[in-house]
Structures are given as structure tokens and as C-alpha cells.
Amino acid sequence: MMKHLKRFVAITISMVMAFQFCINDFYLYAQTGTTDPGQTEVTSESESEPSDSTGEAAEETPTSDIGTPEPSAPVEEQPAAPVEEQPVTPVEEQPEVASTLKVEFVDANNASVKETVEQALTSKYVKDTINLDELGIDINVEGYTLTEVKDKNDNTQAYTTETKDFVLTGNVTELQFVYTQNVQTDHPEDSQEPSTPQGGQEDQNSEEDQEDTDDEDSDSQTNEGEDESADSSKDDELAYPEQILSATASDGAIITIIAKEGALPEGAEVVVEPVESDSIAQIVEDALSQEGKELQTYKAYDITILLDGEEIQPTVPIQVGITGSGVTGSEKSLFHIADGSSKADKVSVIDSGNTQTFSAEGFSIYVVTGSGSGQGTISNRYQMNVNDTVNLAEDYLDTGGTWSVTSGESIIRIERQSGGHDPWYSWRTDPSATILALKEGDATVTYKESGRHGDSHDFYIHVSEDDGVYTVRFDANGGEGNSITWDVKETNITLPTAEELGFSNGDKLFIGWSTDRTGKGDTFISGVQFPDNSNHDAVLTGDETLYAIWLDLSVESDNEAYFYIRKDGGIAFEPAGYGTDLYYPLGSAKTLKGELHQPIAINNNLTAVEANLKIKPTNEQIQSMLSE
């Protein structure tokens, strides 16, 4: 009986365990989505506990030993089986790639103070952090103090001027560093006076008890730095107010500069001088010819901003207006010629008749031009004195036309005119007009050819009030010494030395005098006649300004030069015109190269020419060129 009872108990326990394993197996499958391998192992251990609780009964019942492994197999293998159980973030939630970091450097007016940096990033994602030092991005700007850092993508990002690690907030993260310009004052210590007592007390406390006051000292120094930065920014704003400057050139043109806050320091002044130079006329004439236009009139002005006698440039672009230049033509343009450049850059200009307005980032020579597409060229310009007459006659004009004063009716008057002989006759005369100058100013005379499609040709006339006395002004042009003025009556002069006028310029070598302050035009040495021509009978016909030209041999800039060898062995008197066939290499080939200390014109001064040669062609190079 007991034997049968034990067998019944063993069978019952086996059935209970089998039922329990089935329940556990179902539970495991139901919980697969949230169960990890660690949890599965705990569950397996708990399932083995009933086997331990059976004691000898479990050993006497082989059926339970046989059935137990089968339900336990899926428990161990289950976590890795289903594909949908990958413990990774869904594809749509992958972090966004951060490919580019863009860093802008601007002032308070959003004007650039340093070139923008665009840095490509690799293996970076949005919300990652990057360090500018590790990327090699320098945030220091000479002459400026960093006052603010912004994230243009996310304005909730809060950064200080000391922050080095930044959060990537987009595929292209745009950081903007804002600066204020440093201003030097005669008493820089004054700006620190408000913080001196507090800083001094803290330093004293620090010396007395360094360990107890480290934290306080650090905090106070931070506040002190913030106060000084705020005071500096305030000083900058006060030192660079919004202002309007103006100056009148000797030809009557008015130059007006409108500087917004932060552009120019308080106390700045504008100086303007008209510039008359054949080289400038040629430069702008070449620029217009590339547009299919012909230069008719022009006025060039050398505009300079000074502060305490020193030339400065605006920190941001400013508005400039040139009023009353007297330039006429069917189309007006504006060109900028940088110092030392032989190229004219066209400037966007608003032409309102008598005034040309434009934006300028820096100052040197600006040229207002009048142009047209007809045959009228710069050669159609005439200089007259009051009560003088001039006869206008050009052989390219078709006969049968009429003359008229199209501007400046009160300045000039047509005394006589002829449209030329009728073309039906076998002979003809050129159309002509006699012009009488009435008063000082600028005027235009137009010849209109006959017929519906006849061309118009303009002649430009400048009338001066002539008292027979002209002014020659000598300018030290950066050297020591005040300008000297000579009054000359209808004759010429012998040019003085700089020393005779009390001019000097340190170790720089005096070259001569030029009507172009940059030294790019003709330069005349001391002791020669001015003005001069081949007959040596030229006389002054108007006021002149002559600038001292200095050669600085300490300049290390590279100015490439090309050398030519005259075939006849002679040295031409400069300035002179001659063809390229008189020189080797032929056809102005740029074979022999060297360098100059300064790109200036030196005429009739061989000592100065040689001194300006920084690198000359070698004898081997010359011999090689001649043998070709």
C-alpha cells in the first residue's frame, strides 16, 4: 500500500512541475519584449527551487528528471531569438550629424572684424561638445576685446567670454563672437579708479589670510573684471560717436562723411585734395573702355581721415558724399584707386545729379567720371580763364549740325558757330564754335549732327578766375615740416630741395616732387624747371600742389619689377615716350624679374633708382636672355 502511495505522490509531483514549467514558459514568452538576459537567469534559478523542495521524492521519480530539461531550454535561448528584440534606438531617433562649425567675429554693429571661420567636422553629432582650442580656432582679435558669445541657432545657449567648450546645435552650428574696439587714452589708469579701493582691500585681505579669502577673492576679481569690461565698452561708445564730417576741396567740391556710432573716434577730421594726374586719367579710361565706354571728364580726390595728425581708417564702412565735382557726361561712375595700385575698382554709387553717394571701407583716391558711348573723349576737355575765348573744331564731326550750351549757360557763351559747309558742295569746312568764358565754373557745349539719327558730341569746359597769380604748395607728405606756399605769376619755377624747405623724414631718402602723393605719377628732382616741355617755355596755368616723395629702404614688402635693356646703351631722359622695339626683351616680355623696395616712380635720379632696387637680375640671367 505504501509503495502505491509513494508512486502516486511522485506522479502527482511530476504533473505539478510539468504544469509549472508550462506556466513559466508562457510567462517568459509573454515578457520577451522587456526581459534582458540578466532577468532570464534569475527566473531560471527561481524555477529550480521546487525541485529542491521535493527531497527524496524527486530522486525517486525519474519522470521528473526526464521532463525538466525540455522546458528549461527555451529559457536560456529566448532573449536572442526574436529579431524585433534588438536593444538599439530606432533609426528615426538616430542623433543628427553635425558637419560644420561656423564662427563669426563681429563688432556691436554686426560688422566683421575678422575673417569668418568655417570648420568641417568629422564624427560629430548634434548635442556633442567641441573645444575651439583643439580645433585650432583663434578667437583673439588684435585691438579688440571680446564682450559676448552667441549661438545663432539656439539663443538659449548661455556662454561667457571664457567659454572654450561649445554645444553643437545643428548640422551647421553658427557661433558669433562680439567685440568692442580698444581705445587708448592719455590716462588709462583713470578707467580703473572705481575698482581700485575694492581691489586694494581684497588684496590686503588676501595677504593677511590667503586660505580664508580664496573664494571671496576669486569672486571679487571676477566681478571686477566684468565691471572693467563694462566700463571699457562704455568708453568705446563714448569715444566713437555718431558724427558728420565735411571738407571743401580747393576746386569747390564738398566731401561729406556720415559715420555711424563705432566707425570713427571723436576728434577725427577729413582732409581732401584734388588730384590731377595723367596716370589716373589713363587708369580710369582703361577701366571704362572695358565696359565699352569712353571717358569724357573726371575729378579725382585724395580723401584722408586724420586723428591728431595721424592717418586712420574707419572701423566699419561709412557713407561718403561728393557734391559739386562738376563732372558731366551721359553716365557718371565712381572708381577707387588704392595706394600703390595701377588698377581702378568700380564702386557702387547713387548719383543724384550734383552729388555722388557711396559706402567706403577705407580711403585713398576716389575718382568721379563722366562717360558716354559716342566719340567724345577726354581730349574734349578745355581749361579757360575768365574773358578768354577758345575755338572748338574737330575734323570727325559731320557737317550740317548745330552747336548749343547744354549746361552752364551762365558760365560760357557761344560767340560764333558754323555747322561746316553743305556736303553737296565739293569742298567743306569743319564744324566749329567760338566760346567766350564769362565766369568761373564748369560748362558743356554739344554739337548735334543733322538728321534724325545724328550723333551728339560733347565738349567740356572749366573756367577759372585768372588774376595772373598762381599758388604752388609744397607738402611734406608724411615728413616733418609745415606746408610751404609760393605765389607765382604766369611763369615757371625751379624746384627746391626738401632741406631748403625744412622738410625731413628720418632715415628716408628724398626722391623729388610729384603731383601724386603716392609717388606713382611723374616725380621731378630738385633743381629742374617746373612745369617744363621740350622747348622749356612752359608756364603755370593754375594752382599746383607738389608732394615730397620719400624712399623707405627699410620696407620689407615684395614689389615685383621687370627690367629692360636699352639696345643703344643710352639712358633716356625721364619722363619720355619710346617704343618697346628699343629694348630687350622684345615686346615688353616679362623675362627679367626683380624686386623694388617701394613701387614709386623715380625720374632722372640714378642714385635713387639704384637705391630702390631690392633684387636685380643676375649677369647669368641677362646673358641667357640676350642669347635667346
Foldseek 3Di string as FASTA:
>chain_A
DVVVVLVVVLVVLLVVLLVVLVVVLVVCVVCLLPDDQVNLVVSLVVSCVVCVVVPVSNVVRVVSVVPPVPSCVCSNVVNPPDPVNPPDDDPVPPFAAAFKEKEFEEEPVRFGQDDIDIDTDPPHGAFDKDFCVVVVDDPDGPQKDWAAKAWPVDRVDHDGPPDGIDGHHDNYTYMYTYIFGFDDDPCVVVLLVVCVVVLVVLVVVCVVPVVVCVVVNVVSVVVSVNSSVVSRRVVRQVQFAFDKAWDAEPLGKIKIWTGHGQWDGPQKYKDKYKFDFPLVVVQVQVVVVVVLKAFADKIKMFMFIDHPRDTDWTSGKIKMKIFQPQADAPDKWKWDADQPHSHTHTFDWDDPDRMIMGIDRGTGMMMITHIDNDPRHNVLEEEAEAFDKDKDWDPVADADWDKDWPPDCVFKDWPDWHRWDDPVDPDIDTTMTMMHGHAFDKTKMWIFHDDPPTDIYIHIYGYDHDPQKAKEWEALLQWDADIDIDIDGFAKDFAADCVVRVTDHPPWDWQAKDSGSSQAGDGDHGGDIPPQDPVRGDTDPYYGYIYTDTHDLVQPDWAKDADKAFPVNDDDFPPDDDDQVRIPPGPPDRQWMFTFSGNHDHGPDVVVVVSRTPTGGDPVSVVVRVVD
